[in-house]
């Protein structure tokens, strides 16, 4: 799937443009929840967050999985091992 297809598939409201936010994470268990809170507290609602956790050795991936449970339609989570 190319990125334009990815964005088109996720866009639920055609009148409001979809914004894609990229977030890279590496051992960020102390700050990742605050970053996600900041993203989801924005007034723009038609978003998708693409998160790449780069070979974590802490609990940041587990924190992100909890966020994904609550926002499954807006978060795409990838883990690099």
C-alpha atoms as a PDB file:
ATOM      1  CA  UNK A   1       0.000   0.000   0.000  1.00  0.00           C
ATOM      2  CA  UNK A   2       1.445   3.363  -0.970  1.00  0.00           C
ATOM      3  CA  UNK A   3       1.182   6.315   1.391  1.00  0.00           C
ATOM      4  CA  UNK A   4      -1.511   8.107  -0.620  1.00  0.00           C
ATOM      5  CA  UNK A   5      -3.704   4.975  -0.461  1.00  0.00           C
ATOM      6  CA  UNK A   6      -2.952   4.726   3.255  1.00  0.00           C
ATOM      7  CA  UNK A   7      -4.089   8.316   3.869  1.00  0.00           C
ATOM      8  CA  UNK A   8      -7.148   7.954   1.646  1.00  0.00           C
ATOM      9  CA  UNK A   9      -8.209   4.803   3.489  1.00  0.00           C
ATOM     10  CA  UNK A  10      -7.926   6.511   6.884  1.00  0.00           C
ATOM     11  CA  UNK A  11      -9.656   9.741   5.941  1.00  0.00           C
ATOM     12  CA  UNK A  12     -13.105   9.486   7.466  1.00  0.00           C
ATOM     13  CA  UNK A  13     -14.246  13.015   6.671  1.00  0.00           C
ATOM     14  CA  UNK A  14     -13.572  14.162   3.122  1.00  0.00           C
ATOM     15  CA  UNK A  15     -14.240  17.820   3.937  1.00  0.00           C
ATOM     16  CA  UNK A  16     -11.428  18.002   6.528  1.00  0.00           C
ATOM     17  CA  UNK A  17      -7.931  17.125   5.272  1.00  0.00           C
ATOM     18  CA  UNK A  18      -6.157  14.228   6.934  1.00  0.00           C
ATOM     19  CA  UNK A  19      -2.914  15.102   8.707  1.00  0.00           C
ATOM     20  CA  UNK A  20      -0.307  12.360   9.156  1.00  0.00           C
ATOM     21  CA  UNK A  21       2.046  12.748  12.110  1.00  0.00           C
ATOM     22  CA  UNK A  22       5.256  10.726  12.277  1.00  0.00           C
ATOM     23  CA  UNK A  23       6.779   9.914  15.653  1.00  0.00           C
ATOM     24  CA  UNK A  24      10.017   7.999  16.125  1.00  0.00           C
ATOM     25  CA  UNK A  25      10.671   6.518  19.548  1.00  0.00           C
ATOM     26  CA  UNK A  26      13.742   4.978  21.153  1.00  0.00           C
ATOM     27  CA  UNK A  27      13.612   4.045  24.839  1.00  0.00           C
ATOM     28  CA  UNK A  28      11.218   6.878  25.606  1.00  0.00           C
ATOM     29  CA  UNK A  29       9.103   5.398  28.376  1.00  0.00           C
ATOM     30  CA  UNK A  30       9.494   8.573  30.438  1.00  0.00           C
ATOM     31  CA  UNK A  31       8.281  10.921  27.693  1.00  0.00           C
ATOM     32  CA  UNK A  32       6.209   8.970  25.172  1.00  0.00           C
ATOM     33  CA  UNK A  33       2.895   9.339  27.046  1.00  0.00           C
ATOM     34  CA  UNK A  34       3.358  13.114  27.202  1.00  0.00           C
ATOM     35  CA  UNK A  35       4.118  13.182  23.477  1.00  0.00           C
ATOM     36  CA  UNK A  36       0.955  11.221  22.690  1.00  0.00           C
ATOM     37  CA  UNK A  37      -1.110  13.421  25.023  1.00  0.00           C
ATOM     38  CA  UNK A  38       0.208  16.479  23.215  1.00  0.00           C
ATOM     39  CA  UNK A  39      -0.695  15.049  19.819  1.00  0.00           C
ATOM     40  CA  UNK A  40      -4.198  13.992  20.839  1.00  0.00           C
ATOM     41  CA  UNK A  41      -4.954  17.237  22.674  1.00  0.00           C
ATOM     42  CA  UNK A  42      -4.737  19.230  19.450  1.00  0.00           C
ATOM     43  CA  UNK A  43      -7.941  20.699  18.050  1.00  0.00           C
ATOM     44  CA  UNK A  44      -7.409  19.094  14.636  1.00  0.00           C
ATOM     45  CA  UNK A  45      -9.280  15.799  14.814  1.00  0.00           C
ATOM     46  CA  UNK A  46      -8.675  14.186  11.437  1.00  0.00           C
ATOM     47  CA  UNK A  47      -5.228  12.759  12.140  1.00  0.00           C
ATOM     48  CA  UNK A  48      -3.292   9.543  11.943  1.00  0.00           C
ATOM     49  CA  UNK A  49      -0.139   8.991  13.982  1.00  0.00           C
ATOM     50  CA  UNK A  50       2.510   6.689  12.539  1.00  0.00           C
ATOM     51  CA  UNK A  51       4.790   5.584  15.381  1.00  0.00           C
ATOM     52  CA  UNK A  52       8.029   3.658  14.869  1.00  0.00           C
ATOM     53  CA  UNK A  53       9.614   2.258  18.020  1.00  0.00           C
ATOM     54  CA  UNK A  54      13.259   1.630  17.113  1.00  0.00           C
ATOM     55  CA  UNK A  55      14.480  -1.527  18.861  1.00  0.00           C
ATOM     56  CA  UNK A  56      13.289  -0.629  22.362  1.00  0.00           C
ATOM     57  CA  UNK A  57      14.782  -2.052  25.530  1.00  0.00           C
ATOM     58  CA  UNK A  58      12.389  -0.247  27.866  1.00  0.00           C
ATOM     59  CA  UNK A  59       8.583  -0.207  28.231  1.00  0.00           C
ATOM     60  CA  UNK A  60       7.849   2.479  25.638  1.00  0.00           C
ATOM     61  CA  UNK A  61       6.362  -0.053  23.190  1.00  0.00           C
ATOM     62  CA  UNK A  62       3.935  -1.331  25.837  1.00  0.00           C
ATOM     63  CA  UNK A  63       2.853   2.228  26.623  1.00  0.00           C
ATOM     64  CA  UNK A  64       2.244   2.826  22.927  1.00  0.00           C
ATOM     65  CA  UNK A  65       0.223  -0.396  22.635  1.00  0.00           C
ATOM     66  CA  UNK A  66      -2.113   0.920  25.350  1.00  0.00           C
ATOM     67  CA  UNK A  67      -2.550   4.168  23.413  1.00  0.00           C
ATOM     68  CA  UNK A  68      -3.294   2.151  20.278  1.00  0.00           C
ATOM     69  CA  UNK A  69      -6.014   0.180  22.092  1.00  0.00           C
ATOM     70  CA  UNK A  70      -7.853   3.415  22.835  1.00  0.00           C
ATOM     71  CA  UNK A  71      -7.173   5.019  19.420  1.00  0.00           C
ATOM     72  CA  UNK A  72      -6.889   2.084  17.015  1.00  0.00           C
ATOM     73  CA  UNK A  73      -8.285   4.043  14.067  1.00  0.00           C
ATOM     74  CA  UNK A  74      -5.747   6.847  14.506  1.00  0.00           C
ATOM     75  CA  UNK A  75      -2.500   5.080  15.439  1.00  0.00           C
ATOM     76  CA  UNK A  76      -0.297   2.870  13.299  1.00  0.00           C
ATOM     77  CA  UNK A  77       2.381   1.291  15.467  1.00  0.00           C
ATOM     78  CA  UNK A  78       5.543  -0.364  14.173  1.00  0.00           C
ATOM     79  CA  UNK A  79       8.335  -1.952  16.185  1.00  0.00           C
ATOM     80  CA  UNK A  80      11.815  -2.495  14.816  1.00  0.00           C
ATOM     81  CA  UNK A  81      13.703  -5.397  16.360  1.00  0.00           C
END
